[in-house]
Amino acid sequence: MDSYVINTLVVFGLICICIFIAPPWIYLYVTRIRRQRPLLTQWETQPTRTDLLDVILVIVIYLTSQAFALVVVADLDALGTGDIFNPILITPLNSAAGLSVMAGGLVAFTLIYLRRRDLRILNFRFDKLRQQILVGLVTTACVLPSILLLNGVVSVFVTEYSHPVIEAFLSEMSLSSLLSTMFSVVIAAPLVEEFVFRGILLSFLQRIFDRNCELSTILFCDNTTSPICRASAGLANRYGAIVVTSVLFAGLHVGQGAAYIPLFFLALALGYVTQKTASIWPAVIIHGCLNSLSTIVLAWTYLQSTII
């Protein structure tokens, strides 16, 4: 890459920082950080009772639904090539795959609800919906420009970004594939992935890092169990579960170029917002907004191809 291209990219990046990234963070610094106030006030929460059985149940259903989507929908001849195949990289490839993943999420959600009877302990809450939407949109404005810029940097200087959903659409380039891709990327993926990672895994890991419950309840916890002491104080208690969940979330996207790098930082923001609001809905909004941007590019590509 010659110096002219690098200089152009640097100038473009600086312009993006000045216009989209710096203003919201300067506002947060003036109104929050400088006054030693938290970025987001902690909302009231319910004691989480997520145990290992919940985690295993949801993960098995999640991976099974994606594997089913691959077997039913994907071109299985691709598995016979010399390319390395990793089941963790299975992603929705069209509408049938998206429906499969969504169905798997609904099955897992139903089973967890039947077991727990109170989804608030899994970071599901349906009160304060207006405030949750506002938190999601404000966080989107603060976080997504930085994530997109970082994604652009790693795509240029580390590894070019790639995604099987996008590649599947580009190979077909039809209205039906565009609509199915939008469903898979904008609706199915944010709902199911946030339920799995910020709803189940984060609440389970938070119990471990809090260290305020008996070890036996980590493996199996009934709906009457309560913490036996106050949660441990310190950085590990507050952010350990968020970091571990973010690593797992980024690991799920290994194989999509270097996207796992910006997605790790995105997951940190998703985990922080979920922890503060005790709800996954702001994270779903942020996740959906990020994925919507890629579908806008795909829609523009499709329109350009039809015009030509």
Protein backbone atom coordinates (compact mmCIF):
# COMPACT_ATOMS: atom_id res chain seq x y z
CA MET A 1 0.00 0.00 0.00
CA ASP A 2 1.57 3.29 -1.13
CA SER A 3 1.94 6.40 1.03
CA TYR A 4 -0.79 8.30 -0.85
CA VAL A 5 -3.43 5.70 0.04
CA ILE A 6 -2.23 5.57 3.65
CA ASN A 7 -2.32 9.36 3.97
CA THR A 8 -5.80 9.46 2.46
CA LEU A 9 -7.04 6.84 4.92
CA VAL A 10 -5.47 8.72 7.83
CA VAL A 11 -7.15 11.98 6.81
CA PHE A 12 -10.48 10.22 6.35
CA GLY A 13 -10.11 8.59 9.77
CA LEU A 14 -9.33 11.92 11.44
CA ILE A 15 -12.37 13.50 9.81
CA CYS A 16 -14.56 10.66 11.09
CA ILE A 17 -13.12 11.07 14.58
CA CYS A 18 -13.77 14.82 14.61
CA ILE A 19 -17.33 14.57 13.25
CA PHE A 20 -18.74 11.31 14.62
CA ILE A 21 -16.59 10.00 17.46
CA ALA A 22 -15.24 12.93 19.45
CA PRO A 23 -18.45 15.01 20.04
CA PRO A 24 -20.47 12.40 22.02
CA TRP A 25 -17.46 11.37 24.09
CA ILE A 26 -16.55 14.98 24.84
CA TYR A 27 -20.12 15.48 26.03
CA LEU A 28 -19.88 12.37 28.23
CA TYR A 29 -16.56 13.54 29.63
CA VAL A 30 -17.92 16.96 30.53
CA THR A 31 -21.21 15.73 31.98
CA ARG A 32 -20.15 12.40 33.51
CA ILE A 33 -16.48 11.47 33.72
CA ARG A 34 -15.16 14.85 34.88
CA ARG A 35 -17.83 14.97 37.57
CA GLN A 36 -16.95 11.40 38.60
CA ARG A 37 -20.37 10.14 37.72
CA PRO A 38 -20.98 6.72 36.09
CA LEU A 39 -21.63 6.66 32.37
CA LEU A 40 -24.91 4.92 33.13
CA THR A 41 -26.72 4.77 36.45
CA GLN A 42 -27.27 1.28 37.81
CA TRP A 43 -30.91 0.21 37.53
CA GLU A 44 -32.56 -2.03 40.09
CA THR A 45 -31.83 -5.70 39.47
CA GLN A 46 -33.10 -9.14 40.41
CA PRO A 47 -30.74 -11.77 41.88
CA THR A 48 -29.66 -13.98 39.01
CA ARG A 49 -30.15 -17.73 39.35
CA THR A 50 -28.75 -18.87 36.01
CA ASP A 51 -26.91 -22.17 36.46
CA LEU A 52 -24.77 -24.46 34.34
CA LEU A 53 -27.83 -26.43 33.26
CA ASP A 54 -29.34 -23.29 31.75
CA VAL A 55 -26.10 -22.53 29.91
CA ILE A 56 -25.70 -26.06 28.50
CA LEU A 57 -29.34 -26.18 27.42
CA VAL A 58 -29.18 -22.88 25.56
CA ILE A 59 -25.78 -23.49 23.95
CA VAL A 60 -26.78 -26.93 22.70
CA ILE A 61 -30.02 -25.61 21.17
CA TYR A 62 -28.20 -22.59 19.71
CA LEU A 63 -25.50 -24.64 17.99
CA THR A 64 -27.98 -27.32 16.93
CA SER A 65 -30.21 -24.77 15.22
CA GLN A 66 -27.25 -23.35 13.32
CA ALA A 67 -26.02 -26.82 12.36
CA PHE A 68 -29.53 -27.68 11.16
CA ALA A 69 -29.56 -24.51 9.06
CA LEU A 70 -26.26 -25.50 7.49
CA VAL A 71 -27.36 -29.06 6.70
CA VAL A 72 -30.73 -28.05 5.25
CA VAL A 73 -29.74 -24.88 3.44
CA ALA A 74 -26.04 -24.61 2.75
CA ASP A 75 -24.26 -26.13 -0.20
CA LEU A 76 -22.87 -29.28 1.40
CA ASP A 77 -20.41 -29.71 -1.46
CA ALA A 78 -18.41 -26.95 0.22
CA LEU A 79 -17.69 -29.36 3.07
CA GLY A 80 -15.93 -31.64 0.63
CA THR A 81 -13.37 -29.04 -0.40
CA GLY A 82 -9.97 -28.65 1.12
CA ASP A 83 -11.04 -25.62 3.15
CA ILE A 84 -10.91 -25.89 6.91
CA PHE A 85 -14.40 -26.30 8.36
CA ASN A 86 -15.14 -25.10 11.88
CA PRO A 87 -18.68 -25.68 13.27
CA ILE A 88 -18.41 -22.56 15.44
CA LEU A 89 -18.37 -20.48 12.24
CA ILE A 90 -21.80 -21.66 11.12
CA THR A 91 -23.97 -18.61 10.49
CA PRO A 92 -27.40 -18.03 8.88
CA LEU A 93 -26.99 -18.12 5.11
CA ASN A 94 -30.52 -17.28 3.92
CA SER A 95 -34.09 -16.97 5.10
CA ALA A 96 -34.48 -20.67 5.94
CA ALA A 97 -31.28 -20.56 7.97
CA GLY A 98 -32.40 -17.37 9.68
CA LEU A 99 -35.74 -18.95 10.53
CA SER A 100 -33.94 -21.99 11.89
CA VAL A 101 -31.76 -19.91 14.18
CA MET A 102 -34.75 -17.84 15.28
CA ALA A 103 -36.72 -21.01 15.98
CA GLY A 104 -33.86 -22.37 18.03
CA GLY A 105 -33.76 -19.15 20.02
CA LEU A 106 -37.50 -19.31 20.66
CA VAL A 107 -37.26 -22.94 21.81
CA ALA A 108 -34.44 -22.10 24.21
CA PHE A 109 -36.27 -19.01 25.44
CA THR A 110 -39.45 -21.03 26.08
CA LEU A 111 -37.64 -23.78 27.96
CA ILE A 112 -35.78 -21.29 30.15
CA TYR A 113 -39.01 -19.43 30.88
CA LEU A 114 -40.80 -22.66 31.83
CA ARG A 115 -37.96 -23.45 34.20
CA ARG A 116 -37.44 -20.02 35.75
CA ARG A 117 -40.86 -18.34 35.44
CA ASP A 118 -39.16 -14.97 35.83
CA LEU A 119 -37.09 -13.72 32.91
CA ARG A 120 -35.85 -10.69 34.83
CA ILE A 121 -33.19 -12.88 36.39
CA LEU A 122 -31.93 -13.56 32.83
CA ASN A 123 -31.64 -9.86 31.95
CA PHE A 124 -35.09 -9.71 30.38
CA ARG A 125 -37.27 -6.86 31.53
CA PHE A 126 -40.28 -5.25 29.90
CA ASP A 127 -40.67 -2.22 32.14
CA LYS A 128 -39.01 1.11 31.33
CA LEU A 129 -39.12 0.24 27.64
CA ARG A 130 -38.92 3.89 26.63
CA GLN A 131 -35.77 4.39 28.72
CA GLN A 132 -34.30 1.16 27.38
CA ILE A 133 -34.80 2.30 23.80
CA LEU A 134 -33.23 5.66 24.62
CA VAL A 135 -30.21 3.99 26.24
CA GLY A 136 -29.80 1.74 23.22
CA LEU A 137 -29.94 4.60 20.73
CA VAL A 138 -27.63 6.89 22.72
CA THR A 139 -25.10 4.09 23.19
CA THR A 140 -25.31 3.34 19.47
CA ALA A 141 -24.42 6.96 18.68
CA CYS A 142 -21.48 6.85 21.10
CA VAL A 143 -20.05 3.41 20.32
CA LEU A 144 -20.78 2.43 16.71
CA PRO A 145 -18.67 5.11 14.96
CA SER A 146 -15.62 3.95 16.91
CA ILE A 147 -16.37 0.28 16.18
CA LEU A 148 -16.84 0.96 12.46
CA LEU A 149 -13.61 2.95 12.27
CA LEU A 150 -11.72 0.21 14.09
CA ASN A 151 -13.24 -2.39 11.78
CA GLY A 152 -12.09 -0.37 8.78
CA VAL A 153 -8.57 -0.09 10.19
CA VAL A 154 -8.16 -3.82 10.87
CA SER A 155 -9.72 -4.66 7.49
CA VAL A 156 -7.14 -2.51 5.72
CA PHE A 157 -4.04 -3.21 7.78
CA VAL A 158 -4.68 -6.68 9.26
CA THR A 159 -7.10 -8.90 7.31
CA GLU A 160 -9.86 -8.04 4.88
CA TYR A 161 -13.33 -8.38 6.39
CA SER A 162 -15.47 -11.26 5.17
CA HIS A 163 -18.78 -12.72 6.25
CA PRO A 164 -20.56 -15.83 4.90
CA VAL A 165 -23.94 -14.08 4.97
CA ILE A 166 -22.63 -11.26 2.80
CA GLU A 167 -20.82 -13.67 0.49
CA ALA A 168 -23.99 -15.75 0.10
CA PHE A 169 -25.93 -12.64 -0.90
CA LEU A 170 -23.29 -11.45 -3.35
CA SER A 171 -23.27 -14.86 -5.01
CA GLU A 172 -27.04 -14.68 -5.66
CA MET A 173 -27.69 -10.94 -5.86
CA SER A 174 -31.48 -11.17 -5.84
CA LEU A 175 -34.29 -9.41 -4.02
CA SER A 176 -35.24 -12.57 -2.14
CA SER A 177 -31.67 -13.10 -0.95
CA LEU A 178 -31.49 -9.45 0.10
CA LEU A 179 -34.68 -9.72 2.17
CA SER A 180 -33.61 -13.02 3.71
CA THR A 181 -30.18 -11.62 4.53
CA MET A 182 -31.78 -8.58 6.18
CA PHE A 183 -33.98 -10.87 8.30
CA SER A 184 -31.05 -13.05 9.34
CA VAL A 185 -28.65 -10.20 10.06
CA VAL A 186 -30.91 -7.46 11.46
CA ILE A 187 -33.53 -9.50 13.36
CA ALA A 188 -32.50 -13.11 13.99
CA ALA A 189 -28.83 -12.60 14.84
CA PRO A 190 -29.23 -9.70 17.33
CA LEU A 191 -32.15 -11.31 19.17
CA VAL A 192 -30.67 -14.79 19.45
CA GLU A 193 -27.05 -13.80 20.06
CA GLU A 194 -27.95 -11.26 22.73
CA PHE A 195 -30.20 -13.81 24.44
CA VAL A 196 -27.36 -16.36 24.43
CA PHE A 197 -24.46 -14.09 25.36
CA ARG A 198 -25.89 -11.18 27.37
CA GLY A 199 -28.96 -13.00 28.65
CA ILE A 200 -27.62 -16.42 29.63
CA LEU A 201 -23.82 -16.40 29.65
CA LEU A 202 -23.39 -12.96 31.20
CA SER A 203 -25.85 -13.64 34.03
CA PHE A 204 -24.26 -17.04 34.70
CA LEU A 205 -20.71 -15.70 34.74
CA GLN A 206 -21.77 -12.77 36.92
CA ARG A 207 -22.84 -15.24 39.62
CA ILE A 208 -19.37 -16.78 39.48
CA PHE A 209 -17.55 -13.47 39.72
CA ASP A 210 -19.83 -12.20 42.49
CA ARG A 211 -18.77 -15.13 44.68
CA ASN A 212 -21.84 -14.65 46.85
CA CYS A 213 -23.54 -18.02 46.43
CA GLU A 214 -22.82 -21.62 47.29
CA LEU A 215 -20.75 -23.57 44.77
CA SER A 216 -23.45 -26.22 44.40
CA THR A 217 -25.92 -23.60 43.11
CA ILE A 218 -23.57 -22.82 40.20
CA LEU A 219 -24.27 -26.29 38.87
CA PHE A 220 -27.95 -26.41 39.79
CA CYS A 221 -29.95 -23.53 41.23
CA ASP A 222 -33.66 -23.59 42.01
CA ASN A 223 -35.96 -20.58 41.88
CA THR A 224 -35.90 -19.98 45.64
CA THR A 225 -32.13 -19.68 46.05
CA SER A 226 -30.83 -16.28 47.16
CA PRO A 227 -27.28 -14.94 47.58
CA ILE A 228 -25.72 -15.90 50.91
CA CYS A 229 -23.65 -12.71 51.20
CA ARG A 230 -22.95 -9.44 49.46
CA ALA A 231 -21.27 -9.54 46.08
CA SER A 232 -17.49 -9.19 46.14
CA ALA A 233 -16.18 -5.71 45.46
CA GLY A 234 -13.53 -4.84 42.91
CA LEU A 235 -12.89 -4.71 39.19
CA ALA A 236 -13.13 -8.47 38.71
CA ASN A 237 -16.58 -8.53 40.25
CA ARG A 238 -17.83 -5.60 38.18
CA TYR A 239 -16.26 -6.34 34.82
CA GLY A 240 -14.93 -9.92 34.85
CA ALA A 241 -18.12 -11.47 33.47
CA ILE A 242 -18.32 -8.79 30.78
CA VAL A 243 -14.75 -9.42 29.62
CA VAL A 244 -15.12 -13.21 29.50
CA THR A 245 -18.43 -12.95 27.63
CA SER A 246 -16.83 -10.51 25.19
CA VAL A 247 -13.97 -12.93 24.50
CA LEU A 248 -16.45 -15.73 23.79
CA PHE A 249 -18.54 -13.44 21.57
CA ALA A 250 -15.46 -12.36 19.60
CA GLY A 251 -14.37 -15.98 19.31
CA LEU A 252 -17.68 -16.85 17.69
CA HIS A 253 -16.75 -14.51 14.84
CA VAL A 254 -13.26 -15.84 14.21
CA GLY A 255 -13.04 -16.49 10.48
CA GLN A 256 -14.65 -13.19 9.45
CA GLY A 257 -11.34 -11.51 8.76
CA ALA A 258 -10.19 -9.52 11.79
CA ALA A 259 -13.75 -8.58 12.75
CA TYR A 260 -13.30 -10.29 16.10
CA ILE A 261 -11.11 -7.36 17.22
CA PRO A 262 -13.75 -4.58 16.93
CA LEU A 263 -16.48 -7.03 17.95
CA PHE A 264 -14.66 -7.67 21.23
CA PHE A 265 -14.84 -3.98 22.06
CA LEU A 266 -18.44 -3.83 20.89
CA ALA A 267 -19.24 -6.74 23.22
CA LEU A 268 -17.68 -4.85 26.12
CA ALA A 269 -20.15 -2.03 25.51
CA LEU A 270 -23.04 -4.47 25.10
CA GLY A 271 -22.15 -6.19 28.35
CA TYR A 272 -21.76 -2.91 30.24
CA VAL A 273 -25.13 -1.61 29.09
CA THR A 274 -26.81 -4.92 29.88
CA GLN A 275 -25.25 -5.03 33.33
CA LYS A 276 -26.33 -1.48 34.15
CA THR A 277 -29.91 -1.78 32.86
CA ALA A 278 -30.41 -5.47 33.78
CA SER A 279 -31.93 -5.91 30.32
CA ILE A 280 -30.74 -7.18 26.95
CA TRP A 281 -33.03 -4.89 24.92
CA PRO A 282 -30.59 -1.95 24.69
CA ALA A 283 -27.92 -4.43 23.52
CA VAL A 284 -30.34 -5.83 20.93
CA ILE A 285 -30.91 -2.29 19.61
CA ILE A 286 -27.17 -1.59 19.40
CA HIS A 287 -26.46 -4.93 17.75
CA GLY A 288 -29.33 -4.48 15.29
CA CYS A 289 -28.19 -0.97 14.35
CA LEU A 290 -24.67 -2.21 13.62
CA ASN A 291 -25.93 -5.03 11.45
CA SER A 292 -28.38 -2.69 9.71
CA LEU A 293 -25.50 -0.63 8.36
CA SER A 294 -24.10 -3.63 6.50
CA THR A 295 -27.50 -4.39 4.98
CA ILE A 296 -27.78 -0.80 3.77
CA VAL A 297 -24.56 -1.34 1.83
CA LEU A 298 -25.92 -4.62 0.46
CA ALA A 299 -29.19 -2.94 -0.55
CA TRP A 300 -27.25 -0.21 -2.35
CA THR A 301 -25.16 -2.86 -4.12
CA TYR A 302 -28.32 -4.67 -5.23
CA LEU A 303 -29.92 -1.46 -6.51
CA GLN A 304 -26.80 -0.59 -8.46
CA SER A 305 -26.75 -4.04 -10.06
CA THR A 306 -30.41 -3.80 -11.11
CA ILE A 307 -29.89 -0.36 -12.63
CA ILE A 308 -26.87 -1.49 -14.58
